[in-house]
Amino acid sequence: MVFIGIIVLLAAVDLCIKKAIEEQEESSFPKELNGTGGKIMLHKNHNPGSSFGFLTERPEYVKMVPLAVASFIGGGLAWMLPKKGNLADKIALSVTLGGAVSNLYDRLVRDYVVDYFSIQCGRLKRVVFNLGDMFIFFGAGMMLVLEMIRAWKER
């Protein structure tokens, strides 16, 4: 039940931020996120495609591919939940799924994903993210590290 809570909490936080961004006037963006010393800028971007606007011209794929991937991840988590152990794997899948659910909600309900912040460092300045993206990235990174540790232990 804890893992479902993680998914719901992470998706809800991102969706609440997206709602707050959507309620603001477009003309007030971009703007600096208070307390970051200009390192994080807020935006109001609507991405009808997948990452970096890829597949914008194929909206059916933009919806169905993330739905299939999220279903696969959810299935993997459902398979693991009744088993003892693998706590880190369950957390990684839950974090990934929390971000995926938030972005999938946007794709299915809004027909675009709301992206709202950029990190003002090098090439990242040109990329606008949302927390859902960060959750997906962090969860996938956790899974990669866990697999690397397993491979190292098997040596």
Protein backbone atom coordinates (compact mmCIF):
# COMPACT_ATOMS: atom_id res chain seq x y z
CA MET A 1 0.00 0.00 0.00
CA VAL A 2 2.94 2.32 0.67
CA PHE A 3 4.04 2.05 -2.94
CA ILE A 4 0.60 3.02 -4.26
CA GLY A 5 0.79 5.98 -1.89
CA ILE A 6 4.14 7.02 -3.37
CA ILE A 7 2.68 6.91 -6.88
CA VAL A 8 -0.41 8.91 -5.92
CA LEU A 9 1.55 11.46 -3.88
CA LEU A 10 4.15 12.14 -6.58
CA ALA A 11 1.55 12.36 -9.36
CA ALA A 12 -0.64 14.64 -7.22
CA VAL A 13 2.22 17.03 -6.40
CA ASP A 14 3.15 17.38 -10.06
CA LEU A 15 -0.48 17.78 -11.17
CA CYS A 16 -1.09 20.46 -8.51
CA ILE A 17 1.93 22.42 -9.72
CA LYS A 18 0.77 22.04 -13.32
CA LYS A 19 -2.68 23.34 -12.34
CA ALA A 20 -1.12 26.36 -10.62
CA ILE A 21 1.02 27.09 -13.69
CA GLU A 22 -1.99 26.73 -16.00
CA GLU A 23 -3.97 29.24 -13.94
CA GLN A 24 -1.37 31.98 -14.46
CA GLU A 25 -1.23 34.38 -17.38
CA GLU A 26 1.08 33.31 -20.18
CA SER A 27 2.57 36.81 -20.26
CA SER A 28 4.05 36.36 -16.76
CA PHE A 29 6.47 33.69 -18.03
CA PRO A 30 9.36 32.98 -18.05
CA LYS A 31 10.23 34.09 -14.54
CA GLU A 32 12.75 33.16 -11.90
CA LEU A 33 11.74 30.67 -9.21
CA ASN A 34 12.13 32.55 -5.93
CA GLY A 35 15.06 31.48 -3.80
CA THR A 36 17.06 29.86 -6.60
CA GLY A 37 19.27 32.81 -7.47
CA GLY A 38 18.23 32.56 -11.10
CA LYS A 39 19.27 28.90 -11.39
CA ILE A 40 15.69 27.73 -12.06
CA MET A 41 13.29 29.52 -14.38
CA LEU A 42 9.54 28.92 -14.50
CA HIS A 43 7.78 28.53 -17.85
CA LYS A 44 4.33 27.71 -19.14
CA ASN A 45 4.95 25.26 -21.96
CA HIS A 46 2.48 22.93 -23.60
CA ASN A 47 4.10 19.92 -25.23
CA PRO A 48 1.69 18.05 -27.53
CA GLY A 49 4.44 15.60 -28.54
CA SER A 50 6.63 13.31 -26.52
CA SER A 51 10.06 14.28 -25.17
CA PHE A 52 11.52 17.29 -26.95
CA GLY A 53 8.37 17.57 -29.10
CA PHE A 54 9.07 14.27 -30.87
CA LEU A 55 6.04 12.70 -32.63
CA THR A 56 3.95 15.88 -32.41
CA GLU A 57 2.41 14.96 -35.78
CA ARG A 58 1.34 11.49 -34.49
CA PRO A 59 -0.90 12.19 -31.46
CA GLU A 60 -2.20 8.62 -31.30
CA TYR A 61 1.35 7.35 -30.70
CA VAL A 62 2.04 10.11 -28.20
CA LYS A 63 -0.82 8.76 -26.09
CA MET A 64 -0.56 5.02 -26.67
CA VAL A 65 3.19 4.50 -26.24
CA PRO A 66 3.33 6.13 -22.75
CA LEU A 67 0.16 4.25 -21.79
CA ALA A 68 1.78 0.96 -22.82
CA VAL A 69 5.04 1.77 -21.00
CA ALA A 70 3.22 2.88 -17.83
CA SER A 71 1.12 -0.31 -17.97
CA PHE A 72 4.28 -2.40 -18.30
CA ILE A 73 5.90 -0.65 -15.32
CA GLY A 74 2.69 -0.97 -13.30
CA GLY A 75 2.52 -4.66 -14.17
CA GLY A 76 6.10 -5.13 -13.04
CA LEU A 77 5.35 -3.40 -9.75
CA ALA A 78 2.13 -5.42 -9.26
CA TRP A 79 4.13 -8.61 -9.84
CA MET A 80 6.75 -7.56 -7.25
CA LEU A 81 4.43 -6.24 -4.54
CA PRO A 82 3.41 -9.56 -2.95
CA LYS A 83 7.01 -10.78 -2.90
CA LYS A 84 9.22 -10.11 0.11
CA GLY A 85 12.32 -7.97 -0.35
CA ASN A 86 13.29 -5.90 -3.36
CA LEU A 87 12.38 -2.71 -1.50
CA ALA A 88 14.66 -0.52 -3.62
CA ASP A 89 13.20 -1.94 -6.84
CA LYS A 90 9.67 -1.32 -5.63
CA ILE A 91 10.54 2.26 -4.69
CA ALA A 92 12.23 2.86 -8.05
CA LEU A 93 9.23 1.55 -9.97
CA SER A 94 6.83 3.55 -7.79
CA VAL A 95 8.76 6.80 -8.33
CA THR A 96 8.93 6.17 -12.07
CA LEU A 97 5.24 5.35 -12.20
CA GLY A 98 4.33 8.47 -10.19
CA GLY A 99 5.91 10.65 -12.87
CA ALA A 100 4.47 8.58 -15.69
CA VAL A 101 0.93 8.79 -14.28
CA SER A 102 1.13 12.57 -14.04
CA ASN A 103 2.34 13.00 -17.61
CA LEU A 104 -0.07 10.36 -18.88
CA TYR A 105 -2.97 12.20 -17.24
CA ASP A 106 -1.90 15.35 -19.12
CA ARG A 107 -1.68 13.50 -22.43
CA LEU A 108 -5.08 11.83 -22.07
CA VAL A 109 -7.02 14.75 -20.55
CA ARG A 110 -5.31 17.90 -21.84
CA ASP A 111 -3.82 16.51 -25.09
CA TYR A 112 -0.49 18.06 -24.08
CA VAL A 113 1.95 17.84 -21.18
CA VAL A 114 2.52 20.95 -19.08
CA ASP A 115 6.25 21.59 -18.67
CA TYR A 116 7.15 24.36 -16.25
CA PHE A 117 10.78 24.69 -15.24
CA SER A 118 14.25 24.85 -16.71
CA ILE A 119 17.63 24.57 -15.06
CA GLN A 120 19.89 27.44 -16.04
CA CYS A 121 23.04 25.45 -16.68
CA GLY A 122 24.65 24.84 -20.05
CA ARG A 123 22.45 23.10 -22.61
CA LEU A 124 19.76 22.42 -20.00
CA LYS A 125 18.71 26.08 -20.33
CA ARG A 126 16.85 25.17 -23.51
CA VAL A 127 14.95 22.20 -22.04
CA VAL A 128 11.76 22.71 -20.03
CA PHE A 129 10.76 19.91 -17.65
CA ASN A 130 8.13 19.11 -15.07
CA LEU A 131 8.48 17.16 -11.82
CA GLY A 132 6.92 14.10 -13.49
CA ASP A 133 9.88 14.06 -15.88
CA MET A 134 12.26 14.27 -12.94
CA PHE A 135 10.48 11.41 -11.15
CA ILE A 136 10.74 9.25 -14.29
CA PHE A 137 14.41 10.13 -14.69
CA PHE A 138 15.19 9.52 -11.01
CA GLY A 139 13.28 6.21 -10.86
CA ALA A 140 14.91 4.95 -14.06
CA GLY A 141 18.30 6.01 -12.72
CA MET A 142 17.64 4.08 -9.52
CA MET A 143 16.77 0.98 -11.55
CA LEU A 144 19.95 1.34 -13.60
CA VAL A 145 22.11 1.66 -10.48
CA LEU A 146 20.39 -1.34 -8.88
CA GLU A 147 21.07 -3.45 -11.98
CA MET A 148 24.70 -2.31 -12.07
CA ILE A 149 25.12 -3.30 -8.42
CA ARG A 150 23.58 -6.72 -9.11
CA ALA A 151 25.89 -7.25 -12.09
CA TRP A 152 28.92 -6.23 -10.01
CA LYS A 153 27.93 -8.62 -7.21
CA GLU A 154 27.57 -11.51 -9.66
CA ARG A 155 31.21 -11.15 -10.77
